[in-house]
Amino acid sequence: MIKIGRVKFISKELEDNFDSLSEKDFIKKSIRRAINDLKQNAFCGVQIPKNLIPEIYIKKYGVINLWKYDLPNAWRLVYSITQENEVELISVILEWFDHKTYERRFHYN
């Protein structure tokens, strides 16, 4: 059975942050491209191993899976996948950040 994809933001605040970005901002354009890709294939990112999921995502959002989508200029978008029903997958955008912030979040540095 083909899974239909939908994308949403984890919070209204995050969605508002996205909406407030300039239409000319490369990150907004990149996130839009990511959203389109995720609608086509929720699994197009790279899955983060469960033991590397930052505690903040588990405690704050109850995340049990985490995915990374590479954006241009070493930016990263992280998302989780949920299933609302048998045919619909939902990619939930949790955050996006530059590479240095990504490394701090995941304790890589």
PDB file of N, CA and C in Angstrom:
ATOM      1  N   MET A   1       0.841  -1.185   0.000  1.00  0.00           N
ATOM      2  CA  MET A   1       0.000   0.000   0.000  1.00  0.00           C
ATOM      3  C   MET A   1       0.883   1.244   0.000  1.00  0.00           C
ATOM      4  N   ILE A   2       0.580   2.199  -0.829  1.00  0.00           N
ATOM      5  CA  ILE A   2       1.348   3.433  -0.921  1.00  0.00           C
ATOM      6  C   ILE A   2       1.012   4.340   0.247  1.00  0.00           C
ATOM      7  N   LYS A   3       2.047   4.856   0.870  1.00  0.00           N
ATOM      8  CA  LYS A   3       1.876   5.769   2.001  1.00  0.00           C
ATOM      9  C   LYS A   3       1.844   7.209   1.489  1.00  0.00           C
ATOM     10  N   ILE A   4       0.834   7.927   1.890  1.00  0.00           N
ATOM     11  CA  ILE A   4       0.719   9.344   1.541  1.00  0.00           C
ATOM     12  C   ILE A   4       1.486  10.128   2.589  1.00  0.00           C
ATOM     13  N   GLY A   5       2.271  11.115   2.168  1.00  0.00           N
ATOM     14  CA  GLY A   5       3.090  11.879   3.099  1.00  0.00           C
ATOM     15  C   GLY A   5       2.526  13.258   3.385  1.00  0.00           C
ATOM     16  N   ARG A   6       2.667  13.655   4.625  1.00  0.00           N
ATOM     17  CA  ARG A   6       2.285  14.996   5.049  1.00  0.00           C
ATOM     18  C   ARG A   6       3.408  15.509   5.928  1.00  0.00           C
ATOM     19  N   VAL A   7       3.582  16.818   5.963  1.00  0.00           N
ATOM     20  CA  VAL A   7       4.639  17.419   6.772  1.00  0.00           C
ATOM     21  C   VAL A   7       4.008  18.486   7.642  1.00  0.00           C
ATOM     22  N   LYS A   8       4.423  18.499   8.910  1.00  0.00           N
ATOM     23  CA  LYS A   8       3.967  19.566   9.804  1.00  0.00           C
ATOM     24  C   LYS A   8       5.113  19.945  10.722  1.00  0.00           C
ATOM     25  N   PHE A   9       4.962  21.081  11.369  1.00  0.00           N
ATOM     26  CA  PHE A   9       5.949  21.546  12.332  1.00  0.00           C
ATOM     27  C   PHE A   9       5.539  21.065  13.711  1.00  0.00           C
ATOM     28  N   ILE A  10       6.503  20.848  14.589  1.00  0.00           N
ATOM     29  CA  ILE A  10       6.237  20.338  15.929  1.00  0.00           C
ATOM     30  C   ILE A  10       5.420  21.328  16.752  1.00  0.00           C
ATOM     31  N   SER A  11       5.526  22.616  16.432  1.00  0.00           N
ATOM     32  CA  SER A  11       4.796  23.625  17.208  1.00  0.00           C
ATOM     33  C   SER A  11       4.411  24.802  16.323  1.00  0.00           C
ATOM     34  N   LYS A  12       3.434  25.532  16.780  1.00  0.00           N
ATOM     35  CA  LYS A  12       3.018  26.758  16.091  1.00  0.00           C
ATOM     36  C   LYS A  12       4.172  27.756  16.084  1.00  0.00           C
ATOM     37  N   GLU A  13       4.919  27.804  17.170  1.00  0.00           N
ATOM     38  CA  GLU A  13       6.063  28.717  17.269  1.00  0.00           C
ATOM     39  C   GLU A  13       7.102  28.430  16.180  1.00  0.00           C
ATOM     40  N   LEU A  14       7.401  27.164  15.963  1.00  0.00           N
ATOM     41  CA  LEU A  14       8.378  26.800  14.931  1.00  0.00           C
ATOM     42  C   LEU A  14       7.833  27.137  13.544  1.00  0.00           C
ATOM     43  N   GLU A  15       6.561  26.864  13.334  1.00  0.00           N
ATOM     44  CA  GLU A  15       5.943  27.214  12.050  1.00  0.00           C
ATOM     45  C   GLU A  15       5.968  28.721  11.832  1.00  0.00           C
ATOM     46  N   ASP A  16       5.692  29.488  12.886  1.00  0.00           N
ATOM     47  CA  ASP A  16       5.756  30.950  12.789  1.00  0.00           C
ATOM     48  C   ASP A  16       7.176  31.421  12.485  1.00  0.00           C
ATOM     49  N   ASN A  17       8.179  30.766  13.088  1.00  0.00           N
ATOM     50  CA  ASN A  17       9.578  31.105  12.788  1.00  0.00           C
ATOM     51  C   ASN A  17       9.884  30.885  11.307  1.00  0.00           C
ATOM     52  N   PHE A  18       9.394  29.772  10.792  1.00  0.00           N
ATOM     53  CA  PHE A  18       9.582  29.483   9.374  1.00  0.00           C
ATOM     54  C   PHE A  18       8.878  30.538   8.512  1.00  0.00           C
ATOM     55  N   ASP A  19       7.616  30.815   8.843  1.00  0.00           N
ATOM     56  CA  ASP A  19       6.838  31.789   8.076  1.00  0.00           C
ATOM     57  C   ASP A  19       7.460  33.179   8.105  1.00  0.00           C
ATOM     58  N   SER A  20       8.140  33.516   9.187  1.00  0.00           N
ATOM     59  CA  SER A  20       8.719  34.859   9.320  1.00  0.00           C
ATOM     60  C   SER A  20      10.008  35.036   8.520  1.00  0.00           C
ATOM     61  N   LEU A  21      10.584  33.949   8.048  1.00  0.00           N
ATOM     62  CA  LEU A  21      11.792  34.052   7.225  1.00  0.00           C
ATOM     63  C   LEU A  21      11.458  34.737   5.903  1.00  0.00           C
ATOM     64  N   SER A  22      12.390  35.509   5.414  1.00  0.00           N
ATOM     65  CA  SER A  22      12.224  36.176   4.129  1.00  0.00           C
ATOM     66  C   SER A  22      12.082  35.140   3.019  1.00  0.00           C
ATOM     67  N   GLU A  23      11.247  35.441   2.047  1.00  0.00           N
ATOM     68  CA  GLU A  23      11.081  34.541   0.895  1.00  0.00           C
ATOM     69  C   GLU A  23      12.387  34.371   0.131  1.00  0.00           C
ATOM     70  N   LYS A  24      13.299  35.313   0.275  1.00  0.00           N
ATOM     71  CA  LYS A  24      14.588  35.259  -0.416  1.00  0.00           C
ATOM     72  C   LYS A  24      15.646  34.499   0.383  1.00  0.00           C
ATOM     73  N   ASP A  25      15.351  34.202   1.627  1.00  0.00           N
ATOM     74  CA  ASP A  25      16.302  33.524   2.507  1.00  0.00           C
ATOM     75  C   ASP A  25      16.566  32.106   1.987  1.00  0.00           C
ATOM     76  N   PHE A  26      17.844  31.777   1.804  1.00  0.00           N
ATOM     77  CA  PHE A  26      18.180  30.454   1.275  1.00  0.00           C
ATOM     78  C   PHE A  26      17.665  29.339   2.181  1.00  0.00           C
ATOM     79  N   ILE A  27      17.619  29.589   3.487  1.00  0.00           N
ATOM     80  CA  ILE A  27      17.187  28.525   4.395  1.00  0.00           C
ATOM     81  C   ILE A  27      15.689  28.251   4.223  1.00  0.00           C
ATOM     82  N   LYS A  28      14.908  29.297   3.992  1.00  0.00           N
ATOM     83  CA  LYS A  28      13.471  29.092   3.770  1.00  0.00           C
ATOM     84  C   LYS A  28      13.250  28.313   2.476  1.00  0.00           C
ATOM     85  N   LYS A  29      13.972  28.680   1.437  1.00  0.00           N
ATOM     86  CA  LYS A  29      13.867  27.961   0.163  1.00  0.00           C
ATOM     87  C   LYS A  29      14.289  26.499   0.349  1.00  0.00           C
ATOM     88  N   SER A  30      15.341  26.289   1.127  1.00  0.00           N
ATOM     89  CA  SER A  30      15.850  24.935   1.362  1.00  0.00           C
ATOM     90  C   SER A  30      14.859  24.099   2.164  1.00  0.00           C
ATOM     91  N   ILE A  31      14.238  24.713   3.161  1.00  0.00           N
ATOM     92  CA  ILE A  31      13.250  23.988   3.967  1.00  0.00           C
ATOM     93  C   ILE A  31      12.029  23.651   3.116  1.00  0.00           C
ATOM     94  N   ARG A  32      11.636  24.564   2.256  1.00  0.00           N
ATOM     95  CA  ARG A  32      10.513  24.273   1.344  1.00  0.00           C
ATOM     96  C   ARG A  32      10.829  23.068   0.463  1.00  0.00           C
ATOM     97  N   ARG A  33      12.056  23.023  -0.044  1.00  0.00           N
ATOM     98  CA  ARG A  33      12.467  21.877  -0.865  1.00  0.00           C
ATOM     99  C   ARG A  33      12.436  20.598  -0.022  1.00  0.00           C
ATOM    100  N   ALA A  34      12.910  20.692   1.217  1.00  0.00           N
ATOM    101  CA  ALA A  34      12.879  19.535   2.115  1.00  0.00           C
ATOM    102  C   ALA A  34      11.442  19.077   2.354  1.00  0.00           C
ATOM    103  N   ILE A  35      10.551  20.018   2.592  1.00  0.00           N
ATOM    104  CA  ILE A  35       9.140  19.672   2.816  1.00  0.00           C
ATOM    105  C   ILE A  35       8.575  18.933   1.606  1.00  0.00           C
ATOM    106  N   ASN A  36       8.864  19.424   0.420  1.00  0.00           N
ATOM    107  CA  ASN A  36       8.390  18.743  -0.792  1.00  0.00           C
ATOM    108  C   ASN A  36       8.972  17.340  -0.904  1.00  0.00           C
ATOM    109  N   ASP A  37      10.265  17.200  -0.604  1.00  0.00           N
ATOM    110  CA  ASP A  37      10.892  15.877  -0.643  1.00  0.00           C
ATOM    111  C   ASP A  37      10.262  14.942   0.388  1.00  0.00           C
ATOM    112  N   LEU A  38      10.009  15.455   1.595  1.00  0.00           N
ATOM    113  CA  LEU A  38       9.430  14.628   2.657  1.00  0.00           C
ATOM    114  C   LEU A  38       8.003  14.203   2.335  1.00  0.00           C
ATOM    115  N   LYS A  39       7.269  15.048   1.629  1.00  0.00           N
ATOM    116  CA  LYS A  39       5.917  14.665   1.206  1.00  0.00           C
ATOM    117  C   LYS A  39       5.968  13.487   0.248  1.00  0.00           C
ATOM    118  N   GLN A  40       7.001  13.447  -0.587  1.00  0.00           N
ATOM    119  CA  GLN A  40       7.166  12.354  -1.552  1.00  0.00           C
ATOM    120  C   GLN A  40       7.700  11.087  -0.888  1.00  0.00           C
ATOM    121  N   ASN A  41       8.600  11.294   0.097  1.00  0.00           N
ATOM    122  CA  ASN A  41       9.242  10.143   0.735  1.00  0.00           C
ATOM    123  C   ASN A  41       9.716  10.552   2.131  1.00  0.00           C
ATOM    124  N   ALA A  42       8.965  10.186   3.139  1.00  0.00           N
ATOM    125  CA  ALA A  42       9.299  10.547   4.519  1.00  0.00           C
ATOM    126  C   ALA A  42      10.659   9.993   4.939  1.00  0.00           C
ATOM    127  N   PHE A  43      11.132   8.972   4.250  1.00  0.00           N
ATOM    128  CA  PHE A  43      12.382   8.315   4.615  1.00  0.00           C
ATOM    129  C   PHE A  43      13.575   8.815   3.796  1.00  0.00           C
ATOM    130  N   CYS A  44      13.447   9.973   3.164  1.00  0.00           N
ATOM    131  CA  CYS A  44      14.529  10.467   2.296  1.00  0.00           C
ATOM    132  C   CYS A  44      15.718  11.006   3.083  1.00  0.00           C
ATOM    133  N   GLY A  45      15.555  11.262   4.369  1.00  0.00           N
ATOM    134  CA  GLY A  45      16.671  11.711   5.190  1.00  0.00           C
ATOM    135  C   GLY A  45      17.512  10.545   5.672  1.00  0.00           C
ATOM    136  N   VAL A  46      18.402  10.839   6.580  1.00  0.00           N
ATOM    137  CA  VAL A  46      19.269   9.824   7.182  1.00  0.00           C
ATOM    138  C   VAL A  46      18.764   9.564   8.600  1.00  0.00           C
ATOM    139  N   GLN A  47      18.503   8.305   8.906  1.00  0.00           N
ATOM    140  CA  GLN A  47      18.000   7.992  10.240  1.00  0.00           C
ATOM    141  C   GLN A  47      19.119   8.097  11.266  1.00  0.00           C
ATOM    142  N   ILE A  48      18.813   8.761  12.376  1.00  0.00           N
ATOM    143  CA  ILE A  48      19.746   8.896  13.495  1.00  0.00           C
ATOM    144  C   ILE A  48      19.569   7.656  14.379  1.00  0.00           C
ATOM    145  N   PRO A  49      20.649   6.956  14.718  1.00  0.00           N
ATOM    146  CA  PRO A  49      20.516   5.797  15.604  1.00  0.00           C
ATOM    147  C   PRO A  49      19.830   6.184  16.920  1.00  0.00           C
ATOM    148  N   LYS A  50      18.992   5.288  17.413  1.00  0.00           N
ATOM    149  CA  LYS A  50      18.206   5.572  18.622  1.00  0.00           C
ATOM    150  C   LYS A  50      19.068   6.013  19.805  1.00  0.00           C
ATOM    151  N   ASN A  51      20.252   5.418  19.948  1.00  0.00           N
ATOM    152  CA  ASN A  51      21.107   5.771  21.084  1.00  0.00           C
ATOM    153  C   ASN A  51      21.731   7.163  20.943  1.00  0.00           C
ATOM    154  N   LEU A  52      21.588   7.791  19.762  1.00  0.00           N
ATOM    155  CA  LEU A  52      22.129   9.127  19.543  1.00  0.00           C
ATOM    156  C   LEU A  52      21.048  10.218  19.543  1.00  0.00           C
ATOM    157  N   ILE A  53      19.796   9.823  19.753  1.00  0.00           N
ATOM    158  CA  ILE A  53      18.726  10.819  19.794  1.00  0.00           C
ATOM    159  C   ILE A  53      18.916  11.665  21.046  1.00  0.00           C
ATOM    160  N   PRO A  54      19.052  12.983  20.879  1.00  0.00           N
ATOM    161  CA  PRO A  54      19.227  13.847  22.049  1.00  0.00           C
ATOM    162  C   PRO A  54      18.059  13.734  23.030  1.00  0.00           C
ATOM    163  N   GLU A  55      18.401  13.703  24.302  1.00  0.00           N
ATOM    164  CA  GLU A  55      17.418  13.553  25.374  1.00  0.00           C
ATOM    165  C   GLU A  55      16.313  14.609  25.304  1.00  0.00           C
ATOM    166  N   ILE A  56      16.654  15.809  24.874  1.00  0.00           N
ATOM    167  CA  ILE A  56      15.659  16.881  24.807  1.00  0.00           C
ATOM    168  C   ILE A  56      14.484  16.500  23.901  1.00  0.00           C
ATOM    169  N   TYR A  57      14.759  15.813  22.798  1.00  0.00           N
ATOM    170  CA  TYR A  57      13.687  15.410  21.887  1.00  0.00           C
ATOM    171  C   TYR A  57      12.811  14.322  22.507  1.00  0.00           C
ATOM    172  N   ILE A  58      13.421  13.468  23.260  1.00  0.00           N
ATOM    173  CA  ILE A  58      12.674  12.380  23.909  1.00  0.00           C
ATOM    174  C   ILE A  58      11.790  12.950  25.013  1.00  0.00           C
ATOM    175  N   LYS A  59      12.376  13.784  25.871  1.00  0.00           N
ATOM    176  CA  LYS A  59      11.628  14.348  26.995  1.00  0.00           C
ATOM    177  C   LYS A  59      10.562  15.344  26.558  1.00  0.00           C
ATOM    178  N   LYS A  60      10.917  16.228  25.644  1.00  0.00           N
ATOM    179  CA  LYS A  60      10.012  17.309  25.258  1.00  0.00           C
ATOM    180  C   LYS A  60       8.914  16.850  24.300  1.00  0.00           C
ATOM    181  N   TYR A  61       9.250  15.949  23.382  1.00  0.00           N
ATOM    182  CA  TYR A  61       8.303  15.570  22.345  1.00  0.00           C
ATOM    183  C   TYR A  61       7.942  14.083  22.306  1.00  0.00           C
ATOM    184  N   GLY A  62       8.603  13.266  23.105  1.00  0.00           N
ATOM    185  CA  GLY A  62       8.327  11.835  23.079  1.00  0.00           C
ATOM    186  C   GLY A  62       8.814  11.147  21.808  1.00  0.00           C
ATOM    187  N   VAL A  63       9.861  11.689  21.211  1.00  0.00           N
ATOM    188  CA  VAL A  63      10.391  11.164  19.955  1.00  0.00           C
ATOM    189  C   VAL A  63      10.942   9.753  20.153  1.00  0.00           C
ATOM    190  N   ILE A  64      10.563   8.855  19.241  1.00  0.00           N
ATOM    191  CA  ILE A  64      11.112   7.497  19.273  1.00  0.00           C
ATOM    192  C   ILE A  64      11.932   7.195  18.015  1.00  0.00           C
ATOM    193  N   ASN A  65      11.879   8.108  17.040  1.00  0.00           N
ATOM    194  CA  ASN A  65      12.729   7.994  15.855  1.00  0.00           C
ATOM    195  C   ASN A  65      13.110   9.400  15.431  1.00  0.00           C
ATOM    196  N   LEU A  66      14.279   9.517  14.840  1.00  0.00           N
ATOM    197  CA  LEU A  66      14.764  10.838  14.448  1.00  0.00           C
ATOM    198  C   LEU A  66      15.507  10.715  13.129  1.00  0.00           C
ATOM    199  N   TRP A  67      15.283  11.697  12.276  1.00  0.00           N
ATOM    200  CA  TRP A  67      15.879  11.716  10.950  1.00  0.00           C
ATOM    201  C   TRP A  67      16.539  13.056  10.712  1.00  0.00           C
ATOM    202  N   LYS A  68      17.577  13.051   9.902  1.00  0.00           N
ATOM    203  CA  LYS A  68      18.303  14.268   9.539  1.00  0.00           C
ATOM    204  C   LYS A  68      18.191  14.456   8.031  1.00  0.00           C
ATOM    205  N   TYR A  69      17.869  15.681   7.643  1.00  0.00           N
ATOM    206  CA  TYR A  69      17.831  16.040   6.230  1.00  0.00           C
ATOM    207  C   TYR A  69      18.889  17.119   6.033  1.00  0.00           C
ATOM    208  N   ASP A  70      19.830  16.874   5.143  1.00  0.00           N
ATOM    209  CA  ASP A  70      20.905  17.836   4.892  1.00  0.00           C
ATOM    210  C   ASP A  70      20.402  18.972   4.014  1.00  0.00           C
ATOM    211  N   LEU A  71      20.592  20.181   4.507  1.00  0.00           N
ATOM    212  CA  LEU A  71      20.263  21.396   3.773  1.00  0.00           C
ATOM    213  C   LEU A  71      21.565  21.987   3.231  1.00  0.00           C
ATOM    214  N   PRO A  72      21.496  22.934   2.293  1.00  0.00           N
ATOM    215  CA  PRO A  72      22.719  23.554   1.766  1.00  0.00           C
ATOM    216  C   PRO A  72      23.525  24.277   2.851  1.00  0.00           C
ATOM    217  N   ASN A  73      24.774  24.512   2.555  1.00  0.00           N
ATOM    218  CA  ASN A  73      25.697  25.241   3.435  1.00  0.00           C
ATOM    219  C   ASN A  73      25.837  24.604   4.812  1.00  0.00           C
ATOM    220  N   ALA A  74      25.764  23.281   4.854  1.00  0.00           N
ATOM    221  CA  ALA A  74      25.961  22.486   6.074  1.00  0.00           C
ATOM    222  C   ALA A  74      24.869  22.707   7.126  1.00  0.00           C
ATOM    223  N   TRP A  75      23.718  23.214   6.743  1.00  0.00           N
ATOM    224  CA  TRP A  75      22.587  23.311   7.668  1.00  0.00           C
ATOM    225  C   TRP A  75      21.921  21.946   7.740  1.00  0.00           C
ATOM    226  N   ARG A  76      21.199  21.717   8.818  1.00  0.00           N
ATOM    227  CA  ARG A  76      20.507  20.444   9.031  1.00  0.00           C
ATOM    228  C   ARG A  76      19.063  20.703   9.455  1.00  0.00           C
ATOM    229  N   LEU A  77      18.180  19.841   9.009  1.00  0.00           N
ATOM    230  CA  LEU A  77      16.802  19.842   9.464  1.00  0.00           C
ATOM    231  C   LEU A  77      16.593  18.489  10.125  1.00  0.00           C
ATOM    232  N   VAL A  78      16.029  18.468  11.320  1.00  0.00           N
ATOM    233  CA  VAL A  78      15.748  17.192  11.978  1.00  0.00           C
ATOM    234  C   VAL A  78      14.242  17.028  12.104  1.00  0.00           C
ATOM    235  N   TYR A  79      13.823  15.786  11.909  1.00  0.00           N
ATOM    236  CA  TYR A  79      12.396  15.486  11.933  1.00  0.00           C
ATOM    237  C   TYR A  79      12.161  14.081  12.458  1.00  0.00           C
ATOM    238  N   SER A  80      10.937  13.839  12.821  1.00  0.00           N
ATOM    239  CA  SER A  80      10.513  12.523  13.276  1.00  0.00           C
ATOM    240  C   SER A  80       9.355  12.081  12.385  1.00  0.00           C
ATOM    241  N   ILE A  81       9.136  10.801  12.293  1.00  0.00           N
ATOM    242  CA  ILE A  81       8.056  10.271  11.460  1.00  0.00           C
ATOM    243  C   ILE A  81       7.020   9.607  12.348  1.00  0.00           C
ATOM    244  N   THR A  82       5.772   9.987  12.130  1.00  0.00           N
ATOM    245  CA  THR A  82       4.664   9.339  12.834  1.00  0.00           C
ATOM    246  C   THR A  82       3.694   8.812  11.785  1.00  0.00           C
ATOM    247  N   GLN A  83       2.785   7.995  12.232  1.00  0.00           N
ATOM    248  CA  GLN A  83       1.785   7.448  11.326  1.00  0.00           C
ATOM    249  C   GLN A  83       0.421   7.702  11.939  1.00  0.00           C
ATOM    250  N   GLU A  84      -0.396   8.471  11.227  1.00  0.00           N
ATOM    251  CA  GLU A  84      -1.716   8.814  11.744  1.00  0.00           C
ATOM    252  C   GLU A  84      -2.723   7.703  11.485  1.00  0.00           C
ATOM    253  N   ASN A  85      -2.573   7.027  10.379  1.00  0.00           N
ATOM    254  CA  ASN A  85      -3.449   5.902  10.042  1.00  0.00           C
ATOM    255  C   ASN A  85      -2.661   4.956   9.141  1.00  0.00           C
ATOM    256  N   GLU A  86      -3.326   3.979   8.570  1.00  0.00           N
ATOM    257  CA  GLU A  86      -2.613   2.961   7.792  1.00  0.00           C
ATOM    258  C   GLU A  86      -1.980   3.480   6.513  1.00  0.00           C
ATOM    259  N   VAL A  87      -2.465   4.608   5.997  1.00  0.00           N
ATOM    260  CA  VAL A  87      -1.966   5.071   4.703  1.00  0.00           C
ATOM    261  C   VAL A  87      -1.246   6.408   4.752  1.00  0.00           C
ATOM    262  N   GLU A  88      -1.183   7.051   5.906  1.00  0.00           N
ATOM    263  CA  GLU A  88      -0.600   8.383   5.950  1.00  0.00           C
ATOM    264  C   GLU A  88       0.561   8.478   6.934  1.00  0.00           C
ATOM    265  N   LEU A  89       1.733   8.831   6.391  1.00  0.00           N
ATOM    266  CA  LEU A  89       2.897   9.109   7.223  1.00  0.00           C
ATOM    267  C   LEU A  89       3.001  10.611   7.405  1.00  0.00           C
ATOM    268  N   ILE A  90       3.425  11.033   8.580  1.00  0.00           N
ATOM    269  CA  ILE A  90       3.604  12.454   8.852  1.00  0.00           C
ATOM    270  C   ILE A  90       5.039  12.687   9.283  1.00  0.00           C
ATOM    271  N   SER A  91       5.719  13.561   8.548  1.00  0.00           N
ATOM    272  CA  SER A  91       7.055  13.991   8.939  1.00  0.00           C
ATOM    273  C   SER A  91       6.875  15.241   9.791  1.00  0.00           C
ATOM    274  N   VAL A  92       7.392  15.193  11.008  1.00  0.00           N
ATOM    275  CA  VAL A  92       7.231  16.305  11.940  1.00  0.00           C
ATOM    276  C   VAL A  92       8.579  17.005  12.096  1.00  0.00           C
ATOM    277  N   ILE A  93       8.639  18.237  11.606  1.00  0.00           N
ATOM    278  CA  ILE A  93       9.881  19.005  11.683  1.00  0.00           C
ATOM    279  C   ILE A  93      10.075  19.488  13.117  1.00  0.00           C
ATOM    280  N   LEU A  94      11.234  19.175  13.702  1.00  0.00           N
ATOM    281  CA  LEU A  94      11.541  19.553  15.075  1.00  0.00           C
ATOM    282  C   LEU A  94      12.401  20.801  15.146  1.00  0.00           C
ATOM    283  N   GLU A  95      13.402  20.904  14.269  1.00  0.00           N
ATOM    284  CA  GLU A  95      14.291  22.066  14.260  1.00  0.00           C
ATOM    285  C   GLU A  95      15.106  22.073  12.993  1.00  0.00           C
ATOM    286  N   TRP A  96      15.715  23.199  12.747  1.00  0.00           N
ATOM    287  CA  TRP A  96      16.763  23.317  11.739  1.00  0.00           C
ATOM    288  C   TRP A  96      17.832  24.218  12.313  1.00  0.00           C
ATOM    289  N   PHE A  97      19.058  23.956  11.910  1.00  0.00           N
ATOM    290  CA  PHE A  97      20.171  24.720  12.468  1.00  0.00           C
ATOM    291  C   PHE A  97      21.411  24.561  11.621  1.00  0.00           C
ATOM    292  N   ASP A  98      22.380  25.453  11.863  1.00  0.00           N
ATOM    293  CA  ASP A  98      23.645  25.360  11.150  1.00  0.00           C
ATOM    294  C   ASP A  98      24.438  24.178  11.700  1.00  0.00           C
ATOM    295  N   HIS A  99      25.523  23.838  11.035  1.00  0.00           N
ATOM    296  CA  HIS A  99      26.270  22.631  11.400  1.00  0.00           C
ATOM    297  C   HIS A  99      26.858  22.712  12.810  1.00  0.00           C
ATOM    298  N   LYS A 100      27.359  23.869  13.183  1.00  0.00           N
ATOM    299  CA  LYS A 100      27.952  24.014  14.513  1.00  0.00           C
ATOM    300  C   LYS A 100      26.909  23.765  15.618  1.00  0.00           C
ATOM    301  N   THR A 101      25.721  24.322  15.443  1.00  0.00           N
ATOM    302  CA  THR A 101      24.643  24.109  16.418  1.00  0.00           C
ATOM    303  C   THR A 101      24.204  22.648  16.409  1.00  0.00           C
ATOM    304  N   TYR A 102      24.153  22.044  15.229  1.00  0.00           N
ATOM    305  CA  TYR A 102      23.818  20.624  15.098  1.00  0.00           C
ATOM    306  C   TYR A 102      24.816  19.773  15.885  1.00  0.00           C
ATOM    307  N   GLU A 103      26.097  20.062  15.718  1.00  0.00           N
ATOM    308  CA  GLU A 103      27.122  19.304  16.440  1.00  0.00           C
ATOM    309  C   GLU A 103      26.962  19.445  17.955  1.00  0.00           C
ATOM    310  N   ARG A 104      26.644  20.649  18.422  1.00  0.00           N
ATOM    311  CA  ARG A 104      26.418  20.853  19.864  1.00  0.00           C
ATOM    312  C   ARG A 104      25.206  20.071  20.348  1.00  0.00           C
ATOM    313  N   ARG A 105      24.112  20.125  19.588  1.00  0.00           N
ATOM    314  CA  ARG A 105      22.879  19.428  19.975  1.00  0.00           C
ATOM    315  C   ARG A 105      23.119  17.929  20.112  1.00  0.00           C
ATOM    316  N   PHE A 106      23.924  17.393  19.211  1.00  0.00           N
ATOM    317  CA  PHE A 106      24.158  15.945  19.198  1.00  0.00           C
ATOM    318  C   PHE A 106      25.449  15.555  19.918  1.00  0.00           C
ATOM    319  N   HIS A 107      26.078  16.525  20.582  1.00  0.00           N
ATOM    320  CA  HIS A 107      27.299  16.295  21.375  1.00  0.00           C
ATOM    321  C   HIS A 107      28.415  15.673  20.536  1.00  0.00           C
ATOM    322  N   TYR A 108      28.566  16.154  19.288  1.00  0.00           N
ATOM    323  CA  TYR A 108      29.631  15.672  18.419  1.00  0.00           C
ATOM    324  C   TYR A 108      30.933  16.435  18.612  1.00  0.00           C
ATOM    325  N   ASN A 109      30.887  17.565  19.328  1.00  0.00           N
ATOM    326  CA  ASN A 109      32.131  18.327  19.488  1.00  0.00           C
ATOM    327  C   ASN A 109      32.570  18.364  20.923  1.00  0.00           C
TER     328      ASN A 109
END
